[in-house]
Amino acid sequence: MKVAIIGSGIAGLAAAVRLSLQGHEVSVFEASDAPGGKMAEIKNKEYRFDAGPSLFTLPALVDELFELAGENPRAYFNYEKLDIVCNYFYPDGTAVSAYAEPARFTEELSKKLGEKASSIEKALLKSKTLYDTLADLFVFSSLHDFRTFISKKAFKAYAKMPFLGFTETMNKANKRLFDNPKTVQFFNRFATYNGSDPHKTPATMNIIPHLEMGIGAFFPKGGMYSIPNTIYELAIRSKVKFHFKTPVQSIRTANNKAIGIMANDQEYTFDRIVSNVDVVNTYKKLLPHISAPKLIVNQPKSSSALIFYWGIKKKFKTLDLHNIFFSSDYTSEFDHIFNKGTIFEDPTIYVNISSKKNTKDAPVYGENWFTMINVPNNQGQDWDTQIAKARENMISKLSSILKTDISELIESEDILDPRSIESRTGSSLGALYGNSSNNLFAAFLRHANVSKRVKNLYFCGGSVHPGGGIPLSLSSAKIMAQYFR
């Protein structure tokens, strides 16, 4: 069949490879001049930054694409497993290194935070149990296909349902398990991996730590942008056609059936259409004549981000690839993000420094700081005022903890905020992960990977099932492609 894929984000690229290898004639239409979607790169002076996601987990999902093509992944794509997943800094001066090796990680938290080793071990085991029980069901299968719920993996989950944390929040489960509020804050942070609030998202989200602490966190050679770039090159070798600088204006339908697209005022006819565009904007902008599933598209959206890409003319030995500087009041921070729609004055700051691993990303005397805080999605706030204040607070906080005036070290700067995330990537409201996961039924309220309203229309990407982030987006492409068989 002739297939059009709208958007060349990580899911769109993976979908293109999978469908082409199935024997279909695949064409990808991309509004920008390069592939990758949110996974872009920024260059400023001698500094290079990965603009989007900076944590790499479940690399097997990338390897699988090369293996499907009969290629050796290591011939094209390489990565290393991190010994230290992330360094954490608390406001009182406590510093913790999250070692990848479970025993060492347990020892570190027990020593630095005074937490009982048995509680940490229990948390890691619970996270692994959640992954082993639920991943096949919620991450790698369609929740919109009745066959999923009568499968062996489903009945395996049903038997453990009372113990999987569906009825309490992540924060409540962690407070019940740990004695030290610092440990609770550590494990609550994983809610931000899908743009959610640990005080609202179900405790099943404690599945996320296992991705880092159990399976591992990795760094791809050449940086995060090498992931979409190598998949794009694989797609080219797989005979996928790409049309860059070709924004799609609409999806053409007839009798509730997708028959093609309109792009650059030109009509194209296709047998099937795959949208890698945010699902809200797919209906709003590309299918305005089709009634959208309101319950799904009107769900509360995830958080967004404010990112400063700073070229820092100094090296910091205390920092690693991933670094977290915690807020002194995590509860208030999430309240500002999800209830007040403002940036908290003492936000948790994430600093990614890819030059720690890829020295070419910064001059020999400096480091490239991807400096991010979680912020509300775009609701028309006075962003210029809030961003200016946030920048001031972030510099003050980092300067205090690192005992160095950061403001004097910044020699290059680029900024990404909810408005530019929305305009550049087409993400509704600038939300990074589509719908938030701040309720019990959130997993079931993501759009399916195949449309029930428009025949021959399919969806992949972070705004549909199974969710946002690199692994889930890659999984969405895999689930979607299975409907073509």
Protein backbone atom coordinates (compact mmCIF):
# COMPACT_ATOMS: atom_id res chain seq x y z
CA MET A 1 0.00 0.00 0.00
CA LYS A 2 0.96 3.65 -0.39
CA VAL A 3 1.33 5.11 3.10
CA ALA A 4 1.82 8.72 4.19
CA ILE A 5 3.34 9.48 7.58
CA ILE A 6 2.78 13.02 8.83
CA GLY A 7 5.71 14.11 10.99
CA SER A 8 9.22 12.71 11.42
CA GLY A 9 9.45 12.59 15.20
CA ILE A 10 11.02 9.49 16.74
CA ALA A 11 7.73 7.55 16.41
CA GLY A 12 7.18 8.67 12.83
CA LEU A 13 10.67 7.53 11.87
CA ALA A 14 10.24 4.16 13.58
CA ALA A 15 6.85 3.74 11.90
CA ALA A 16 8.38 4.54 8.52
CA VAL A 17 11.03 1.85 8.95
CA ARG A 18 8.58 -0.77 10.17
CA LEU A 19 6.00 -0.15 7.45
CA SER A 20 8.57 0.00 4.67
CA LEU A 21 10.05 -3.29 5.84
CA GLN A 22 6.55 -4.76 5.70
CA GLY A 23 6.60 -3.97 1.99
CA HIS A 24 4.61 -0.76 1.86
CA GLU A 25 5.56 2.34 -0.14
CA VAL A 26 6.14 4.93 2.57
CA SER A 27 6.42 8.71 2.26
CA VAL A 28 7.11 10.98 5.24
CA PHE A 29 5.99 14.61 5.21
CA GLU A 30 7.80 16.95 7.60
CA ALA A 31 7.21 20.67 8.11
CA SER A 32 10.77 21.42 9.26
CA ASP A 33 14.00 20.92 7.35
CA ALA A 34 15.29 17.96 9.39
CA PRO A 35 13.99 14.80 11.08
CA GLY A 36 13.60 14.27 14.80
CA GLY A 37 10.66 16.35 16.00
CA LYS A 38 11.32 17.23 19.65
CA MET A 39 14.66 15.42 19.34
CA ALA A 40 16.45 18.24 17.57
CA GLU A 41 19.85 19.79 18.19
CA ILE A 42 21.02 23.35 18.80
CA LYS A 43 24.44 24.79 18.01
CA ASN A 44 25.66 28.08 19.46
CA LYS A 45 29.28 29.15 19.12
CA GLU A 46 31.38 26.14 20.14
CA TYR A 47 28.53 24.45 22.00
CA ARG A 48 26.15 21.73 20.79
CA PHE A 49 22.98 20.76 22.64
CA ASP A 50 20.41 18.01 22.31
CA ALA A 51 17.30 20.14 22.32
CA GLY A 52 14.77 17.55 23.50
CA PRO A 53 14.78 14.33 25.55
CA SER A 54 18.07 13.71 27.31
CA LEU A 55 17.55 10.37 29.07
CA PHE A 56 17.89 7.17 27.07
CA THR A 57 16.31 3.95 28.35
CA LEU A 58 15.19 0.68 26.73
CA PRO A 59 17.73 0.88 23.87
CA ALA A 60 16.55 -2.53 22.67
CA LEU A 61 13.59 -0.76 21.04
CA VAL A 62 16.03 1.09 18.76
CA ASP A 63 18.19 -1.98 18.16
CA GLU A 64 15.10 -3.90 17.08
CA LEU A 65 14.58 -1.58 14.11
CA PHE A 66 18.00 -2.43 12.70
CA GLU A 67 17.50 -6.12 13.39
CA LEU A 68 14.22 -6.07 11.48
CA ALA A 69 16.16 -4.70 8.52
CA GLY A 70 18.70 -7.51 8.84
CA GLU A 71 21.41 -5.12 10.01
CA ASN A 72 23.78 -5.23 12.97
CA PRO A 73 22.76 -2.32 15.23
CA ARG A 74 26.32 -1.87 16.49
CA ALA A 75 27.49 -1.12 12.96
CA TYR A 76 25.38 2.05 13.01
CA PHE A 77 24.33 2.86 16.55
CA ASN A 78 26.33 2.53 19.77
CA TYR A 79 25.74 3.48 23.37
CA GLU A 80 27.19 2.98 26.82
CA LYS A 81 25.49 2.10 30.07
CA LEU A 82 25.85 4.72 32.79
CA ASP A 83 27.52 3.79 36.07
CA ILE A 84 25.94 6.82 37.75
CA VAL A 85 22.46 7.49 36.45
CA CYS A 86 22.14 10.92 38.06
CA ASN A 87 23.58 13.14 40.80
CA TYR A 88 21.07 14.69 43.22
CA PHE A 89 21.56 17.83 45.26
CA TYR A 90 19.25 18.77 48.13
CA PRO A 91 18.84 22.34 49.46
CA ASP A 92 20.54 21.50 52.78
CA GLY A 93 23.73 20.41 51.03
CA THR A 94 23.06 16.67 50.93
CA ALA A 95 24.34 15.11 47.72
CA VAL A 96 23.43 11.64 46.47
CA SER A 97 24.69 9.67 43.48
CA ALA A 98 22.17 7.26 41.98
CA TYR A 99 24.45 4.36 41.08
CA ALA A 100 23.19 1.95 38.45
CA GLU A 101 24.27 -1.08 40.46
CA PRO A 102 21.36 -1.78 42.88
CA ALA A 103 23.46 -2.78 45.89
CA ARG A 104 25.63 0.31 45.61
CA PHE A 105 22.57 2.50 45.07
CA THR A 106 20.96 1.06 48.20
CA GLU A 107 24.13 1.65 50.18
CA GLU A 108 24.36 5.26 48.93
CA LEU A 109 20.80 6.19 49.90
CA SER A 110 21.09 4.36 53.20
CA LYS A 111 24.33 6.14 54.05
CA LYS A 112 23.47 9.64 52.78
CA LEU A 113 19.77 9.78 53.69
CA GLY A 114 19.66 7.42 56.65
CA GLU A 115 16.99 5.38 54.91
CA LYS A 116 16.57 1.72 55.82
CA ALA A 117 18.22 -0.50 53.22
CA SER A 118 15.25 -2.85 53.39
CA SER A 119 12.89 -0.03 52.33
CA ILE A 120 15.03 0.88 49.34
CA GLU A 121 15.33 -2.76 48.29
CA LYS A 122 11.56 -3.14 48.66
CA ALA A 123 10.97 -0.08 46.44
CA LEU A 124 13.25 -1.44 43.70
CA LEU A 125 11.62 -4.87 43.89
CA LYS A 126 8.15 -3.31 43.72
CA SER A 127 9.17 -1.29 40.66
CA LYS A 128 10.49 -4.44 38.97
CA THR A 129 7.29 -6.32 39.84
CA LEU A 130 5.20 -3.54 38.34
CA TYR A 131 7.28 -3.63 35.16
CA ASP A 132 7.21 -7.42 34.86
CA THR A 133 3.44 -7.45 35.43
CA LEU A 134 2.24 -4.39 33.55
CA ALA A 135 4.74 -3.47 30.82
CA ASP A 136 3.55 -6.06 28.32
CA LEU A 137 -0.03 -4.97 28.93
CA PHE A 138 0.20 -1.19 29.18
CA VAL A 139 3.38 -0.37 27.24
CA PHE A 140 3.75 -2.94 24.50
CA SER A 141 0.10 -3.79 23.70
CA SER A 142 -2.96 -1.90 22.61
CA LEU A 143 -5.45 -1.05 25.35
CA HIS A 144 -8.05 -0.55 22.65
CA ASP A 145 -8.10 -4.15 21.47
CA PHE A 146 -10.24 -6.62 23.45
CA ARG A 147 -7.73 -9.37 22.72
CA THR A 148 -5.26 -7.63 25.04
CA PHE A 149 -7.59 -8.18 27.98
CA ILE A 150 -8.10 -11.90 27.42
CA SER A 151 -4.41 -12.65 26.98
CA LYS A 152 -2.21 -14.55 29.42
CA LYS A 153 -0.37 -11.36 30.37
CA ALA A 154 -3.69 -9.72 31.24
CA PHE A 155 -4.77 -12.53 33.55
CA LYS A 156 -1.33 -12.43 35.11
CA ALA A 157 -1.96 -8.78 35.96
CA TYR A 158 -5.53 -9.38 37.18
CA ALA A 159 -4.26 -11.79 39.83
CA LYS A 160 -1.99 -9.10 41.26
CA MET A 161 -4.38 -6.15 40.81
CA PRO A 162 -4.84 -5.35 44.55
CA PHE A 163 -1.08 -4.98 44.95
CA LEU A 164 -0.28 -2.81 41.91
CA GLY A 165 -1.08 0.62 43.33
CA PHE A 166 -4.08 1.59 41.24
CA THR A 167 -6.00 2.91 44.24
CA GLU A 168 -3.43 5.23 45.83
CA THR A 169 -1.10 7.97 44.62
CA MET A 170 2.61 7.67 44.04
CA ASN A 171 3.27 10.13 46.85
CA LYS A 172 1.10 8.24 49.32
CA ALA A 173 2.76 4.92 48.49
CA ASN A 174 6.24 6.41 48.85
CA LYS A 175 5.42 8.17 52.14
CA ARG A 176 4.14 4.88 53.52
CA LEU A 177 7.36 3.10 52.53
CA PHE A 178 10.10 5.57 53.42
CA ASP A 179 11.03 7.33 56.68
CA ASN A 180 13.02 10.22 55.22
CA PRO A 181 11.14 12.92 53.21
CA LYS A 182 14.25 13.22 51.01
CA THR A 183 13.79 9.62 49.88
CA VAL A 184 10.11 10.27 49.19
CA GLN A 185 11.12 13.28 47.09
CA PHE A 186 13.68 11.17 45.23
CA PHE A 187 11.13 8.54 44.19
CA ASN A 188 8.35 11.10 43.61
CA ARG A 189 10.51 12.71 40.95
CA PHE A 190 9.78 9.87 38.54
CA ALA A 191 6.27 11.27 38.03
CA THR A 192 7.87 14.06 36.00
CA TYR A 193 9.03 11.49 33.45
CA ASN A 194 5.58 11.68 31.90
CA GLY A 195 4.73 15.22 32.98
CA SER A 196 2.56 14.27 35.95
CA ASP A 197 2.11 15.14 39.63
CA PRO A 198 3.16 12.48 42.19
CA HIS A 199 0.37 13.72 44.48
CA LYS A 200 -2.21 12.81 41.82
CA THR A 201 -0.76 10.13 39.55
CA PRO A 202 -1.44 6.52 40.65
CA ALA A 203 1.26 4.54 42.44
CA THR A 204 1.50 2.26 39.40
CA MET A 205 3.82 4.95 38.04
CA ASN A 206 6.40 3.58 40.45
CA ILE A 207 7.08 1.28 37.50
CA ILE A 208 9.37 3.99 36.09
CA PRO A 209 12.39 3.64 38.45
CA HIS A 210 12.96 0.12 37.14
CA LEU A 211 13.77 1.53 33.70
CA GLU A 212 16.78 3.32 35.21
CA MET A 213 17.75 1.29 38.25
CA GLY A 214 16.85 -2.15 36.89
CA ILE A 215 17.31 -2.16 33.12
CA GLY A 216 19.67 0.81 33.02
CA ALA A 217 20.17 4.31 31.65
CA PHE A 218 22.38 4.80 28.60
CA PHE A 219 24.18 7.44 26.60
CA PRO A 220 24.27 7.13 22.79
CA LYS A 221 27.56 7.84 21.05
CA GLY A 222 27.28 11.27 19.47
CA GLY A 223 24.50 12.41 21.79
CA MET A 224 20.72 12.00 21.83
CA TYR A 225 20.29 13.45 18.35
CA SER A 226 22.11 10.42 16.99
CA ILE A 227 19.01 8.35 17.81
CA PRO A 228 16.61 9.97 15.30
CA ASN A 229 19.47 10.61 12.91
CA THR A 230 20.49 6.94 12.68
CA ILE A 231 16.86 5.80 12.42
CA TYR A 232 16.40 8.34 9.62
CA GLU A 233 19.42 6.91 7.79
CA LEU A 234 17.99 3.41 8.30
CA ALA A 235 14.71 4.61 6.82
CA ILE A 236 16.55 5.95 3.78
CA ARG A 237 18.26 2.60 3.32
CA SER A 238 14.82 1.00 3.66
CA LYS A 239 13.59 3.07 0.70
CA VAL A 240 11.41 5.52 2.66
CA LYS A 241 10.85 8.82 0.86
CA PHE A 242 11.08 12.06 2.84
CA HIS A 243 9.52 15.43 2.01
CA PHE A 244 11.04 18.13 4.23
CA LYS A 245 9.76 21.69 4.45
CA THR A 246 6.42 20.24 3.39
CA PRO A 247 3.80 21.00 6.03
CA VAL A 248 0.61 19.00 5.73
CA GLN A 249 -2.45 21.23 5.63
CA SER A 250 -5.16 18.60 5.90
CA ILE A 251 -5.98 14.93 5.75
CA ARG A 252 -8.34 14.25 2.86
CA THR A 253 -11.30 12.01 3.56
CA ALA A 254 -14.28 10.61 1.70
CA ASN A 255 -17.12 8.72 3.36
CA ASN A 256 -15.21 8.73 6.66
CA LYS A 257 -12.21 7.15 4.99
CA ALA A 258 -8.73 8.68 4.75
CA ILE A 259 -7.77 8.91 1.08
CA GLY A 260 -4.78 11.29 1.06
CA ILE A 261 -3.34 14.57 2.25
CA MET A 262 -3.03 18.17 1.17
CA ALA A 263 0.50 19.50 1.54
CA ASN A 264 1.89 22.76 0.17
CA ASP A 265 -1.41 23.23 -1.67
CA GLN A 266 -0.89 19.96 -3.53
CA GLU A 267 -3.10 16.89 -3.28
CA TYR A 268 -1.53 13.49 -2.64
CA THR A 269 -3.42 10.21 -2.76
CA PHE A 270 -2.57 7.43 -0.32
CA ASP A 271 -4.11 4.16 0.82
CA ARG A 272 -3.39 4.80 4.49
CA ILE A 273 -2.37 7.77 6.63
CA VAL A 274 -0.31 7.75 9.84
CA SER A 275 -0.30 10.87 12.00
CA ASN A 276 2.77 11.48 14.12
CA VAL A 277 1.34 14.91 14.91
CA ASP A 278 -0.08 15.70 18.35
CA VAL A 279 -3.51 14.05 18.37
CA VAL A 280 -5.32 17.24 19.44
CA ASN A 281 -3.84 19.17 16.54
CA THR A 282 -4.46 16.28 14.15
CA TYR A 283 -8.19 16.72 14.72
CA LYS A 284 -8.13 20.49 15.17
CA LYS A 285 -5.95 21.41 12.19
CA LEU A 286 -5.83 18.42 9.86
CA LEU A 287 -9.31 16.99 10.36
CA PRO A 288 -11.51 19.96 11.34
CA HIS A 289 -14.46 18.38 9.53
CA ILE A 290 -14.29 15.22 11.67
CA SER A 291 -15.80 15.13 15.14
CA ALA A 292 -12.98 14.54 17.64
CA PRO A 293 -13.34 12.12 20.59
CA LYS A 294 -13.93 14.87 23.16
CA LEU A 295 -13.40 12.77 26.27
CA ILE A 296 -9.89 11.94 25.09
CA VAL A 297 -8.70 15.18 23.49
CA ASN A 298 -10.10 17.31 26.34
CA GLN A 299 -8.18 15.47 29.04
CA PRO A 300 -5.87 17.68 31.18
CA LYS A 301 -2.49 18.04 29.52
CA SER A 302 0.91 17.25 30.98
CA SER A 303 3.41 19.78 32.20
CA SER A 304 5.71 21.63 29.83
CA ALA A 305 9.29 22.80 30.24
CA LEU A 306 11.45 25.89 30.35
CA ILE A 307 14.93 25.13 29.07
CA PHE A 308 18.01 27.33 28.98
CA TYR A 309 20.80 26.04 26.76
CA TRP A 310 23.83 27.60 28.41
CA GLY A 311 27.39 27.49 27.17
CA ILE A 312 29.33 27.54 30.48
CA LYS A 313 32.97 28.59 30.35
CA LYS A 314 34.06 26.36 33.23
CA LYS A 315 34.16 22.68 34.13
CA PHE A 316 32.48 21.36 37.30
CA LYS A 317 33.93 18.13 38.74
CA THR A 318 30.95 17.63 41.08
CA LEU A 319 28.53 17.39 38.15
CA ASP A 320 27.88 14.39 35.90
CA LEU A 321 25.88 13.77 32.73
CA HIS A 322 22.54 14.04 34.62
CA ASN A 323 22.08 16.28 37.64
CA ILE A 324 19.06 17.24 39.75
CA PHE A 325 18.88 20.19 42.15
CA PHE A 326 15.78 19.60 44.28
CA SER A 327 13.23 22.15 45.39
CA SER A 328 12.86 22.84 49.11
CA ASP A 329 9.08 22.39 48.77
CA TYR A 330 8.13 19.76 46.20
CA THR A 331 4.43 19.85 47.06
CA SER A 332 4.20 23.59 46.40
CA GLU A 333 6.16 23.20 43.17
CA PHE A 334 3.62 20.75 41.75
CA ASP A 335 0.76 22.88 43.04
CA HIS A 336 2.11 25.82 41.04
CA ILE A 337 2.56 23.69 37.90
CA PHE A 338 -0.79 21.91 37.85
CA ASN A 339 -3.14 24.13 39.86
CA LYS A 340 -1.89 27.71 39.77
CA GLY A 341 -0.39 27.66 36.28
CA THR A 342 2.72 29.53 37.39
CA ILE A 343 6.43 28.82 37.86
CA PHE A 344 7.39 28.11 41.47
CA GLU A 345 10.03 30.44 42.91
CA ASP A 346 12.21 27.50 43.99
CA PRO A 347 11.89 24.98 41.16
CA THR A 348 13.66 21.65 40.89
CA ILE A 349 16.39 22.14 38.29
CA TYR A 350 17.65 19.47 35.93
CA VAL A 351 21.06 20.00 34.32
CA ASN A 352 22.16 17.69 31.53
CA ILE A 353 25.78 18.04 30.39
CA SER A 354 26.37 15.86 27.35
CA SER A 355 29.94 17.14 27.03
CA LYS A 356 30.74 14.95 30.06
CA LYS A 357 30.44 12.02 27.64
CA ASN A 358 30.77 13.64 24.22
CA THR A 359 33.64 16.10 24.60
CA LYS A 360 33.01 17.61 21.16
CA ASP A 361 29.82 19.23 22.49
CA ALA A 362 31.76 22.00 24.27
CA PRO A 363 35.14 23.76 24.07
CA VAL A 364 37.93 22.25 26.17
CA TYR A 365 37.47 24.84 28.89
CA GLY A 366 33.69 24.59 29.22
CA GLU A 367 30.48 22.56 29.42
CA ASN A 368 27.14 22.61 27.64
CA TRP A 369 24.34 22.92 30.18
CA PHE A 370 20.85 21.85 29.17
CA THR A 371 19.18 23.54 32.15
CA MET A 372 15.50 22.67 32.57
CA ILE A 373 12.63 23.14 35.00
CA ASN A 374 9.12 21.71 34.79
CA VAL A 375 6.52 24.41 34.18
CA PRO A 376 2.79 24.59 33.37
CA ASN A 377 1.63 24.11 29.82
CA ASN A 378 0.72 27.19 27.81
CA GLN A 379 -2.52 28.73 29.03
CA GLY A 380 -1.76 32.28 27.91
CA GLN A 381 0.39 33.23 30.90
CA ASP A 382 2.65 36.28 30.93
CA TRP A 383 5.58 34.09 29.99
CA ASP A 384 8.12 36.86 29.43
CA THR A 385 7.77 38.04 33.02
CA GLN A 386 7.71 34.53 34.48
CA ILE A 387 10.70 33.38 32.44
CA ALA A 388 12.81 36.37 33.45
CA LYS A 389 12.08 35.71 37.12
CA ALA A 390 12.66 31.98 36.75
CA ARG A 391 16.03 32.59 35.11
CA GLU A 392 17.05 34.81 38.01
CA ASN A 393 15.93 32.22 40.58
CA MET A 394 17.63 29.35 38.76
CA ILE A 395 20.96 31.15 38.53
CA SER A 396 20.75 32.12 42.19
CA LYS A 397 19.98 28.55 43.26
CA LEU A 398 22.71 26.95 41.17
CA SER A 399 25.25 29.58 42.22
CA SER A 400 24.49 28.96 45.88
CA ILE A 401 24.76 25.17 45.70
CA LEU A 402 27.84 25.14 43.44
CA LYS A 403 29.42 28.08 45.27
CA THR A 404 30.15 29.83 41.97
CA ASP A 405 28.49 32.80 40.28
CA ILE A 406 26.91 31.07 37.31
CA SER A 407 25.78 34.32 35.69
CA GLU A 408 29.37 35.26 34.90
CA LEU A 409 30.06 31.91 33.22
CA ILE A 410 27.27 31.96 30.61
CA GLU A 411 28.80 32.80 27.24
CA SER A 412 25.99 31.53 25.01
CA GLU A 413 22.27 31.08 25.57
CA ASP A 414 19.21 29.74 23.78
CA ILE A 415 15.76 29.34 25.31
CA LEU A 416 12.88 26.94 24.77
CA ASP A 417 9.59 27.64 26.57
CA PRO A 418 5.99 26.34 26.34
CA ARG A 419 5.17 28.78 23.55
CA SER A 420 8.09 27.75 21.35
CA ILE A 421 7.58 24.07 22.16
CA GLU A 422 4.01 24.46 20.94
CA SER A 423 4.93 26.36 17.78
CA ARG A 424 7.99 24.30 16.81
CA THR A 425 6.72 20.81 17.56
CA GLY A 426 2.96 21.17 17.22
CA SER A 427 2.44 19.94 20.78
CA SER A 428 -0.96 21.07 22.05
CA LEU A 429 -0.45 23.79 24.70
CA GLY A 430 3.26 23.00 24.64
CA ALA A 431 2.60 19.90 26.79
CA LEU A 432 5.56 17.55 26.50
CA TYR A 433 3.69 14.29 26.95
CA GLY A 434 0.17 14.90 25.65
CA ASN A 435 -2.42 14.08 28.33
CA SER A 436 -1.23 14.03 31.92
CA SER A 437 -1.40 10.83 33.97
CA ASN A 438 -2.96 12.54 36.96
CA ASN A 439 -5.88 10.18 37.38
CA LEU A 440 -6.59 6.48 37.72
CA PHE A 441 -7.96 6.06 34.20
CA ALA A 442 -5.34 8.16 32.37
CA ALA A 443 -3.79 5.15 30.64
CA PHE A 444 -7.18 4.26 29.16
CA LEU A 445 -7.89 7.83 28.08
CA ARG A 446 -5.12 8.10 25.52
CA HIS A 447 -6.09 7.95 21.89
CA ALA A 448 -5.84 4.56 20.20
CA ASN A 449 -3.17 3.84 17.57
CA VAL A 450 -5.85 3.18 14.97
CA SER A 451 -8.85 5.42 14.40
CA LYS A 452 -12.36 4.13 14.93
CA ARG A 453 -13.86 7.25 13.33
CA VAL A 454 -11.87 7.44 10.11
CA LYS A 455 -10.99 4.28 8.28
CA ASN A 456 -7.35 3.87 7.18
CA LEU A 457 -6.15 6.51 9.67
CA TYR A 458 -3.53 5.60 12.27
CA PHE A 459 -1.66 7.37 15.09
CA CYS A 460 1.75 7.15 16.74
CA GLY A 461 3.82 9.40 18.99
CA GLY A 462 3.87 10.70 22.54
CA SER A 463 0.32 12.09 22.57
CA VAL A 464 -1.35 8.70 21.94
CA HIS A 465 -1.10 5.26 23.50
CA PRO A 466 1.07 4.26 25.30
CA GLY A 467 2.46 7.74 26.14
CA GLY A 468 5.34 10.21 25.92
CA GLY A 469 9.09 9.75 26.04
CA ILE A 470 11.42 7.84 23.73
CA PRO A 471 10.56 4.24 24.74
CA LEU A 472 6.79 4.75 24.69
CA SER A 473 6.90 6.65 21.41
CA LEU A 474 8.89 3.83 19.81
CA SER A 475 6.41 1.35 21.24
CA SER A 476 3.51 3.34 19.79
CA ALA A 477 5.00 2.89 16.32
CA LYS A 478 5.35 -0.84 16.89
CA ILE A 479 1.76 -1.22 18.11
CA MET A 480 0.45 0.88 15.22
CA ALA A 481 2.39 -1.11 12.60
CA GLN A 482 0.83 -4.36 13.80
CA TYR A 483 -2.55 -3.14 12.53
CA PHE A 484 -1.18 -3.13 8.98
CA ARG A 485 -0.72 -6.89 8.97
